[in-house]
């Protein structure tokens, strides 16, 4: 179930990546993030996506173009 608000998580030391976000998407802090196979852009994890981790901050690209956020 996708998050509907920011949710803080405890993180351990590891890699932090900046990912390009799909158009029309809002990712909340703490939500699971996936990469869409067709275009390589990040979105909240959905069936068929490659899991890449948890969001360390929220991103709102609901009115932006693909990779704008």
PDB file of N, CA and C in Angstrom:
ATOM      1  N   UNK A   1       0.845  -1.171   0.000  1.00  0.00           N
ATOM      2  CA  UNK A   1       0.000   0.000   0.000  1.00  0.00           C
ATOM      3  C   UNK A   1       0.892   1.237   0.000  1.00  0.00           C
ATOM      4  N   UNK A   2       0.694   2.155  -0.932  1.00  0.00           N
ATOM      5  CA  UNK A   2       1.519   3.359  -0.984  1.00  0.00           C
ATOM      6  C   UNK A   2       1.225   4.295   0.199  1.00  0.00           C
ATOM      7  N   UNK A   3       2.232   5.049   0.556  1.00  0.00           N
ATOM      8  CA  UNK A   3       2.061   6.025   1.631  1.00  0.00           C
ATOM      9  C   UNK A   3       1.264   7.225   1.133  1.00  0.00           C
ATOM     10  N   UNK A   4       0.570   7.867   2.054  1.00  0.00           N
ATOM     11  CA  UNK A   4      -0.185   9.079   1.734  1.00  0.00           C
ATOM     12  C   UNK A   4       0.351  10.289   2.477  1.00  0.00           C
ATOM     13  N   UNK A   5       1.432  10.096   3.204  1.00  0.00           N
ATOM     14  CA  UNK A   5       2.100  11.197   3.892  1.00  0.00           C
ATOM     15  C   UNK A   5       3.530  10.779   4.200  1.00  0.00           C
ATOM     16  N   UNK A   6       4.373  11.752   4.560  1.00  0.00           N
ATOM     17  CA  UNK A   6       5.760  11.456   4.910  1.00  0.00           C
ATOM     18  C   UNK A   6       5.800  10.567   6.147  1.00  0.00           C
ATOM     19  N   UNK A   7       6.695   9.587   6.138  1.00  0.00           N
ATOM     20  CA  UNK A   7       6.865   8.678   7.265  1.00  0.00           C
ATOM     21  C   UNK A   7       8.351   8.516   7.510  1.00  0.00           C
ATOM     22  N   UNK A   8       8.826   8.966   8.642  1.00  0.00           N
ATOM     23  CA  UNK A   8      10.252   8.879   8.952  1.00  0.00           C
ATOM     24  C   UNK A   8      10.661   7.431   9.165  1.00  0.00           C
ATOM     25  N   UNK A   9      11.849   7.099   8.690  1.00  0.00           N
ATOM     26  CA  UNK A   9      12.427   5.769   8.863  1.00  0.00           C
ATOM     27  C   UNK A   9      13.831   5.927   9.435  1.00  0.00           C
ATOM     28  N   UNK A  10      14.280   4.902  10.137  1.00  0.00           N
ATOM     29  CA  UNK A  10      15.657   4.870  10.613  1.00  0.00           C
ATOM     30  C   UNK A  10      16.507   4.281   9.488  1.00  0.00           C
ATOM     31  N   UNK A  11      17.569   4.986   9.096  1.00  0.00           N
ATOM     32  CA  UNK A  11      18.427   4.535   8.007  1.00  0.00           C
ATOM     33  C   UNK A  11      19.773   4.134   8.552  1.00  0.00           C
ATOM     34  N   UNK A  12      20.390   3.171   7.897  1.00  0.00           N
ATOM     35  CA  UNK A  12      21.743   2.782   8.224  1.00  0.00           C
ATOM     36  C   UNK A  12      22.657   3.318   7.141  1.00  0.00           C
ATOM     37  N   UNK A  13      23.936   3.327   7.423  1.00  0.00           N
ATOM     38  CA  UNK A  13      24.901   3.832   6.456  1.00  0.00           C
ATOM     39  C   UNK A  13      24.821   3.006   5.181  1.00  0.00           C
ATOM     40  N   UNK A  14      24.797   3.699   4.060  1.00  0.00           N
ATOM     41  CA  UNK A  14      24.728   3.019   2.768  1.00  0.00           C
ATOM     42  C   UNK A  14      24.750   4.049   1.659  1.00  0.00           C
ATOM     43  N   UNK A  15      24.484   3.608   0.474  1.00  0.00           N
ATOM     44  CA  UNK A  15      24.489   4.498  -0.683  1.00  0.00           C
ATOM     45  C   UNK A  15      23.218   5.331  -0.736  1.00  0.00           C
ATOM     46  N   UNK A  16      23.354   6.587  -1.158  1.00  0.00           N
ATOM     47  CA  UNK A  16      22.217   7.461  -1.397  1.00  0.00           C
ATOM     48  C   UNK A  16      22.296   7.877  -2.858  1.00  0.00           C
ATOM     49  N   UNK A  17      21.207   7.692  -3.576  1.00  0.00           N
ATOM     50  CA  UNK A  17      21.170   8.001  -5.001  1.00  0.00           C
ATOM     51  C   UNK A  17      20.160   9.099  -5.280  1.00  0.00           C
ATOM     52  N   UNK A  18      20.462   9.943  -6.249  1.00  0.00           N
ATOM     53  CA  UNK A  18      19.492  10.900  -6.771  1.00  0.00           C
ATOM     54  C   UNK A  18      18.919  10.281  -8.029  1.00  0.00           C
ATOM     55  N   UNK A  19      17.616  10.090  -8.039  1.00  0.00           N
ATOM     56  CA  UNK A  19      16.967   9.434  -9.165  1.00  0.00           C
ATOM     57  C   UNK A  19      16.033  10.407  -9.874  1.00  0.00           C
ATOM     58  N   UNK A  20      15.906  10.262 -11.163  1.00  0.00           N
ATOM     59  CA  UNK A  20      14.939  11.042 -11.934  1.00  0.00           C
ATOM     60  C   UNK A  20      13.557  10.455 -11.688  1.00  0.00           C
ATOM     61  N   UNK A  21      12.574  11.336 -11.503  1.00  0.00           N
ATOM     62  CA  UNK A  21      11.227  10.923 -11.112  1.00  0.00           C
ATOM     63  C   UNK A  21      10.283  10.984 -12.307  1.00  0.00           C
ATOM     64  N   UNK A  22       9.406  10.003 -12.395  1.00  0.00           N
ATOM     65  CA  UNK A  22       8.405   9.944 -13.467  1.00  0.00           C
ATOM     66  C   UNK A  22       7.442  11.126 -13.358  1.00  0.00           C
ATOM     67  N   UNK A  23       6.845  11.505 -14.478  1.00  0.00           N
ATOM     68  CA  UNK A  23       5.861  12.594 -14.507  1.00  0.00           C
ATOM     69  C   UNK A  23       4.588  12.166 -13.778  1.00  0.00           C
ATOM     70  N   UNK A  24       3.931  13.131 -13.143  1.00  0.00           N
ATOM     71  CA  UNK A  24       2.659  12.878 -12.485  1.00  0.00           C
ATOM     72  C   UNK A  24       2.769  12.066 -11.217  1.00  0.00           C
ATOM     73  N   UNK A  25       3.940  12.082 -10.573  1.00  0.00           N
ATOM     74  CA  UNK A  25       4.205  11.220  -9.421  1.00  0.00           C
ATOM     75  C   UNK A  25       4.562  12.047  -8.193  1.00  0.00           C
ATOM     76  N   UNK A  26       4.078  11.598  -7.042  1.00  0.00           N
ATOM     77  CA  UNK A  26       4.502  12.153  -5.760  1.00  0.00           C
ATOM     78  C   UNK A  26       5.061  10.995  -4.936  1.00  0.00           C
ATOM     79  N   UNK A  27       6.280  11.161  -4.453  1.00  0.00           N
ATOM     80  CA  UNK A  27       6.919  10.150  -3.612  1.00  0.00           C
ATOM     81  C   UNK A  27       7.053  10.744  -2.217  1.00  0.00           C
ATOM     82  N   UNK A  28       6.497  10.065  -1.223  1.00  0.00           N
ATOM     83  CA  UNK A  28       6.563  10.546   0.146  1.00  0.00           C
ATOM     84  C   UNK A  28       7.815  10.021   0.836  1.00  0.00           C
ATOM     85  N   UNK A  29       8.355  10.833   1.742  1.00  0.00           N
ATOM     86  CA  UNK A  29       9.502  10.414   2.535  1.00  0.00           C
ATOM     87  C   UNK A  29       9.174   9.094   3.217  1.00  0.00           C
ATOM     88  N   UNK A  30      10.078   8.141   3.132  1.00  0.00           N
ATOM     89  CA  UNK A  30       9.907   6.851   3.781  1.00  0.00           C
ATOM     90  C   UNK A  30       9.248   5.797   2.920  1.00  0.00           C
ATOM     91  N   UNK A  31       8.710   6.190   1.763  1.00  0.00           N
ATOM     92  CA  UNK A  31       8.035   5.196   0.928  1.00  0.00           C
ATOM     93  C   UNK A  31       9.035   4.366   0.128  1.00  0.00           C
ATOM     94  N   UNK A  32       8.629   3.140  -0.205  1.00  0.00           N
ATOM     95  CA  UNK A  32       9.442   2.279  -1.052  1.00  0.00           C
ATOM     96  C   UNK A  32       9.443   2.862  -2.460  1.00  0.00           C
ATOM     97  N   UNK A  33      10.609   2.838  -3.103  1.00  0.00           N
ATOM     98  CA  UNK A  33      10.761   3.435  -4.428  1.00  0.00           C
ATOM     99  C   UNK A  33      11.146   2.348  -5.419  1.00  0.00           C
ATOM    100  N   UNK A  34      10.543   2.422  -6.596  1.00  0.00           N
ATOM    101  CA  UNK A  34      10.851   1.475  -7.657  1.00  0.00           C
ATOM    102  C   UNK A  34      11.236   2.206  -8.930  1.00  0.00           C
ATOM    103  N   UNK A  35      11.896   1.494  -9.816  1.00  0.00           N
ATOM    104  CA  UNK A  35      12.276   2.027 -11.123  1.00  0.00           C
ATOM    105  C   UNK A  35      11.389   1.373 -12.175  1.00  0.00           C
ATOM    106  N   UNK A  36      10.751   2.195 -12.988  1.00  0.00           N
ATOM    107  CA  UNK A  36       9.901   1.705 -14.071  1.00  0.00           C
ATOM    108  C   UNK A  36      10.810   1.113 -15.153  1.00  0.00           C
ATOM    109  N   UNK A  37      10.581  -0.140 -15.512  1.00  0.00           N
ATOM    110  CA  UNK A  37      11.442  -0.812 -16.490  1.00  0.00           C
ATOM    111  C   UNK A  37      11.421  -0.121 -17.849  1.00  0.00           C
ATOM    112  N   UNK A  38      10.273   0.406 -18.257  1.00  0.00           N
ATOM    113  CA  UNK A  38      10.126   0.984 -19.593  1.00  0.00           C
ATOM    114  C   UNK A  38      10.941   2.257 -19.794  1.00  0.00           C
ATOM    115  N   UNK A  39      11.083   3.076 -18.726  1.00  0.00           N
ATOM    116  CA  UNK A  39      11.754   4.365 -18.924  1.00  0.00           C
ATOM    117  C   UNK A  39      12.862   4.662 -17.916  1.00  0.00           C
ATOM    118  N   UNK A  40      13.065   3.829 -16.916  1.00  0.00           N
ATOM    119  CA  UNK A  40      14.142   4.022 -15.955  1.00  0.00           C
ATOM    120  C   UNK A  40      13.912   5.135 -14.951  1.00  0.00           C
ATOM    121  N   UNK A  41      12.654   5.575 -14.794  1.00  0.00           N
ATOM    122  CA  UNK A  41      12.340   6.664 -13.876  1.00  0.00           C
ATOM    123  C   UNK A  41      11.762   6.130 -12.570  1.00  0.00           C
ATOM    124  N   UNK A  42      11.972   6.876 -11.502  1.00  0.00           N
ATOM    125  CA  UNK A  42      11.525   6.467 -10.173  1.00  0.00           C
ATOM    126  C   UNK A  42      10.060   6.821  -9.943  1.00  0.00           C
ATOM    127  N   UNK A  43       9.404   5.982  -9.126  1.00  0.00           N
ATOM    128  CA  UNK A  43       8.031   6.212  -8.683  1.00  0.00           C
ATOM    129  C   UNK A  43       7.823   5.396  -7.419  1.00  0.00           C
ATOM    130  N   UNK A  44       6.707   5.614  -6.698  1.00  0.00           N
ATOM    131  CA  UNK A  44       6.430   4.718  -5.575  1.00  0.00           C
ATOM    132  C   UNK A  44       6.386   3.277  -6.092  1.00  0.00           C
ATOM    133  N   UNK A  45       6.961   2.369  -5.361  1.00  0.00           N
ATOM    134  CA  UNK A  45       7.089   0.985  -5.795  1.00  0.00           C
ATOM    135  C   UNK A  45       5.741   0.406  -6.216  1.00  0.00           C
ATOM    136  N   UNK A  46       5.706  -0.200  -7.396  1.00  0.00           N
ATOM    137  CA  UNK A  46       4.519  -0.859  -7.926  1.00  0.00           C
ATOM    138  C   UNK A  46       4.934  -2.225  -8.464  1.00  0.00           C
ATOM    139  N   UNK A  47       3.956  -3.086  -8.667  1.00  0.00           N
ATOM    140  CA  UNK A  47       4.230  -4.426  -9.197  1.00  0.00           C
ATOM    141  C   UNK A  47       5.009  -4.320 -10.505  1.00  0.00           C
ATOM    142  N   UNK A  48       6.059  -5.104 -10.622  1.00  0.00           N
ATOM    143  CA  UNK A  48       6.877  -5.110 -11.828  1.00  0.00           C
ATOM    144  C   UNK A  48       8.063  -4.166 -11.788  1.00  0.00           C
ATOM    145  N   UNK A  49       8.095  -3.241 -10.814  1.00  0.00           N
ATOM    146  CA  UNK A  49       9.221  -2.316 -10.687  1.00  0.00           C
ATOM    147  C   UNK A  49      10.404  -3.004 -10.018  1.00  0.00           C
ATOM    148  N   UNK A  50      11.593  -2.479 -10.275  1.00  0.00           N
ATOM    149  CA  UNK A  50      12.801  -2.924  -9.558  1.00  0.00           C
ATOM    150  C   UNK A  50      12.914  -2.074  -8.299  1.00  0.00           C
ATOM    151  N   UNK A  51      12.907  -2.705  -7.130  1.00  0.00           N
ATOM    152  CA  UNK A  51      13.020  -1.991  -5.861  1.00  0.00           C
ATOM    153  C   UNK A  51      14.414  -1.391  -5.743  1.00  0.00           C
ATOM    154  N   UNK A  52      14.476  -0.078  -5.406  1.00  0.00           N
ATOM    155  CA  UNK A  52      15.771   0.581  -5.286  1.00  0.00           C
ATOM    156  C   UNK A  52      16.010   1.188  -3.911  1.00  0.00           C
ATOM    157  N   UNK A  53      15.049   1.083  -2.999  1.00  0.00           N
ATOM    158  CA  UNK A  53      15.247   1.586  -1.649  1.00  0.00           C
ATOM    159  C   UNK A  53      14.062   2.386  -1.157  1.00  0.00           C
ATOM    160  N   UNK A  54      14.329   3.195  -0.128  1.00  0.00           N
ATOM    161  CA  UNK A  54      13.295   4.023   0.478  1.00  0.00           C
ATOM    162  C   UNK A  54      13.654   5.497   0.296  1.00  0.00           C
ATOM    163  N   UNK A  55      12.656   6.320   0.081  1.00  0.00           N
ATOM    164  CA  UNK A  55      12.871   7.758  -0.134  1.00  0.00           C
ATOM    165  C   UNK A  55      13.325   8.422   1.160  1.00  0.00           C
ATOM    166  N   UNK A  56      14.413   9.182   1.101  1.00  0.00           N
ATOM    167  CA  UNK A  56      14.895   9.895   2.289  1.00  0.00           C
ATOM    168  C   UNK A  56      14.309  11.300   2.377  1.00  0.00           C
ATOM    169  N   UNK A  57      13.526  11.686   1.373  1.00  0.00           N
ATOM    170  CA  UNK A  57      12.794  12.961   1.388  1.00  0.00           C
ATOM    171  C   UNK A  57      11.623  12.843   0.421  1.00  0.00           C
ATOM    172  N   UNK A  58      10.678  13.735   0.544  1.00  0.00           N
ATOM    173  CA  UNK A  58       9.523  13.686  -0.358  1.00  0.00           C
ATOM    174  C   UNK A  58       9.825  14.449  -1.643  1.00  0.00           C
ATOM    175  N   UNK A  59       9.189  14.019  -2.731  1.00  0.00           N
ATOM    176  CA  UNK A  59       9.340  14.642  -4.040  1.00  0.00           C
ATOM    177  C   UNK A  59       7.954  14.753  -4.660  1.00  0.00           C
ATOM    178  N   UNK A  60       7.617  15.941  -5.142  1.00  0.00           N
ATOM    179  CA  UNK A  60       6.315  16.151  -5.774  1.00  0.00           C
ATOM    180  C   UNK A  60       6.521  16.551  -7.232  1.00  0.00           C
ATOM    181  N   UNK A  61       6.270  15.614  -8.127  1.00  0.00           N
ATOM    182  CA  UNK A  61       6.407  15.879  -9.549  1.00  0.00           C
ATOM    183  C   UNK A  61       5.055  15.649 -10.239  1.00  0.00           C
ATOM    184  N   UNK A  62       3.970  15.938  -9.521  1.00  0.00           N
ATOM    185  CA  UNK A  62       2.636  15.705 -10.073  1.00  0.00           C
ATOM    186  C   UNK A  62       2.338  16.587 -11.263  1.00  0.00           C
ATOM    187  N   UNK A  63       2.903  17.790 -11.314  1.00  0.00           N
ATOM    188  CA  UNK A  63       2.640  18.680 -12.463  1.00  0.00           C
ATOM    189  C   UNK A  63       3.868  18.891 -13.324  1.00  0.00           C
ATOM    190  N   UNK A  64       4.943  18.167 -13.032  1.00  0.00           N
ATOM    191  CA  UNK A  64       6.179  18.323 -13.811  1.00  0.00           C
ATOM    192  C   UNK A  64       6.300  17.282 -14.901  1.00  0.00           C
ATOM    193  N   UNK A  65       7.242  17.505 -15.786  1.00  0.00           N
ATOM    194  CA  UNK A  65       7.541  16.555 -16.849  1.00  0.00           C
ATOM    195  C   UNK A  65       8.395  15.426 -16.306  1.00  0.00           C
ATOM    196  N   UNK A  66       8.496  14.345 -17.034  1.00  0.00           N
ATOM    197  CA  UNK A  66       9.347  13.233 -16.623  1.00  0.00           C
ATOM    198  C   UNK A  66      10.772  13.727 -16.384  1.00  0.00           C
ATOM    199  N   UNK A  67      11.356  13.293 -15.280  1.00  0.00           N
ATOM    200  CA  UNK A  67      12.721  13.642 -14.879  1.00  0.00           C
ATOM    201  C   UNK A  67      12.876  15.104 -14.469  1.00  0.00           C
ATOM    202  N   UNK A  68      11.787  15.831 -14.267  1.00  0.00           N
ATOM    203  CA  UNK A  68      11.882  17.234 -13.865  1.00  0.00           C
ATOM    204  C   UNK A  68      12.219  17.378 -12.390  1.00  0.00           C
ATOM    205  N   UNK A  69      11.938  16.368 -11.586  1.00  0.00           N
ATOM    206  CA  UNK A  69      12.211  16.444 -10.141  1.00  0.00           C
ATOM    207  C   UNK A  69      13.320  15.505  -9.772  1.00  0.00           C
TER     208      UNK A  69
END
